[in-house]
């Protein structure tokens, strides 16, 4: 269950970053928002892989 919650937190952070870019910055920071989304996606993938490996070891 911890793995699912961690992935949801990362997903919410991606959506919050995009929402903030659109509403507060009038989509002027698209490059920064995309880099943030990409970084969070890579972090989520790494988190998933580490979580999956720890479940296999048990």
C-alpha atoms as a PDB file:
ATOM      1  CA  UNK A   1       0.000   0.000   0.000  1.00  0.00           C
ATOM      2  CA  UNK A   2       2.924   2.377   0.642  1.00  0.00           C
ATOM      3  CA  UNK A   3       4.001   2.026  -2.974  1.00  0.00           C
ATOM      4  CA  UNK A   4       0.584   3.037  -4.264  1.00  0.00           C
ATOM      5  CA  UNK A   5       0.455   6.082  -1.993  1.00  0.00           C
ATOM      6  CA  UNK A   6       3.916   7.191  -3.091  1.00  0.00           C
ATOM      7  CA  UNK A   7       2.937   6.977  -6.735  1.00  0.00           C
ATOM      8  CA  UNK A   8      -0.272   8.929  -6.076  1.00  0.00           C
ATOM      9  CA  UNK A   9       1.713  11.671  -4.338  1.00  0.00           C
ATOM     10  CA  UNK A  10       4.064  11.954  -7.316  1.00  0.00           C
ATOM     11  CA  UNK A  11       1.113  11.988  -9.740  1.00  0.00           C
ATOM     12  CA  UNK A  12      -0.606  14.747  -7.749  1.00  0.00           C
ATOM     13  CA  UNK A  13       2.631  16.754  -7.780  1.00  0.00           C
ATOM     14  CA  UNK A  14       2.786  16.490 -11.585  1.00  0.00           C
ATOM     15  CA  UNK A  15      -0.804  17.686 -11.974  1.00  0.00           C
ATOM     16  CA  UNK A  16      -0.337  20.451  -9.410  1.00  0.00           C
ATOM     17  CA  UNK A  17       2.727  21.715 -11.278  1.00  0.00           C
ATOM     18  CA  UNK A  18       0.818  21.831 -14.551  1.00  0.00           C
ATOM     19  CA  UNK A  19      -2.204  23.483 -12.938  1.00  0.00           C
ATOM     20  CA  UNK A  20      -0.017  26.100 -11.289  1.00  0.00           C
ATOM     21  CA  UNK A  21       1.716  26.838 -14.579  1.00  0.00           C
ATOM     22  CA  UNK A  22      -1.572  27.331 -16.402  1.00  0.00           C
ATOM     23  CA  UNK A  23      -3.502  29.280 -13.758  1.00  0.00           C
ATOM     24  CA  UNK A  24      -0.887  31.392 -11.993  1.00  0.00           C
ATOM     25  CA  UNK A  25       1.747  31.903 -14.680  1.00  0.00           C
ATOM     26  CA  UNK A  26      -0.543  31.965 -17.748  1.00  0.00           C
ATOM     27  CA  UNK A  27       1.449  29.112 -19.324  1.00  0.00           C
ATOM     28  CA  UNK A  28       4.597  31.258 -19.541  1.00  0.00           C
ATOM     29  CA  UNK A  29       6.765  28.681 -17.797  1.00  0.00           C
ATOM     30  CA  UNK A  30       5.984  25.701 -20.022  1.00  0.00           C
ATOM     31  CA  UNK A  31       9.615  24.601 -20.223  1.00  0.00           C
ATOM     32  CA  UNK A  32      10.071  24.570 -16.463  1.00  0.00           C
ATOM     33  CA  UNK A  33       6.776  22.755 -15.947  1.00  0.00           C
ATOM     34  CA  UNK A  34       7.738  20.098 -18.488  1.00  0.00           C
ATOM     35  CA  UNK A  35      11.130  19.578 -16.867  1.00  0.00           C
ATOM     36  CA  UNK A  36       9.434  19.262 -13.487  1.00  0.00           C
ATOM     37  CA  UNK A  37       6.929  16.753 -14.871  1.00  0.00           C
ATOM     38  CA  UNK A  38       9.687  14.741 -16.524  1.00  0.00           C
ATOM     39  CA  UNK A  39      11.759  14.693 -13.348  1.00  0.00           C
ATOM     40  CA  UNK A  40       8.798  13.598 -11.263  1.00  0.00           C
ATOM     41  CA  UNK A  41       7.963  10.889 -13.796  1.00  0.00           C
ATOM     42  CA  UNK A  42      11.514   9.524 -13.618  1.00  0.00           C
ATOM     43  CA  UNK A  43      11.396   9.683  -9.811  1.00  0.00           C
ATOM     44  CA  UNK A  44       8.070   7.820  -9.819  1.00  0.00           C
ATOM     45  CA  UNK A  45       9.458   5.146 -12.126  1.00  0.00           C
ATOM     46  CA  UNK A  46      12.496   4.689  -9.885  1.00  0.00           C
ATOM     47  CA  UNK A  47      10.245   4.536  -6.818  1.00  0.00           C
ATOM     48  CA  UNK A  48       8.080   1.890  -8.470  1.00  0.00           C
ATOM     49  CA  UNK A  49      11.081  -0.222  -9.465  1.00  0.00           C
ATOM     50  CA  UNK A  50      12.597  -0.058  -5.977  1.00  0.00           C
ATOM     51  CA  UNK A  51       9.229  -0.920  -4.430  1.00  0.00           C
ATOM     52  CA  UNK A  52       8.768  -3.857  -6.776  1.00  0.00           C
ATOM     53  CA  UNK A  53      12.248  -5.211  -5.982  1.00  0.00           C
ATOM     54  CA  UNK A  54      11.619  -5.010  -2.237  1.00  0.00           C
ATOM     55  CA  UNK A  55       8.373  -6.970  -2.624  1.00  0.00           C
ATOM     56  CA  UNK A  56      10.139  -9.682  -4.641  1.00  0.00           C
ATOM     57  CA  UNK A  57      12.792 -10.110  -1.922  1.00  0.00           C
ATOM     58  CA  UNK A  58      10.160 -10.830   0.733  1.00  0.00           C
END
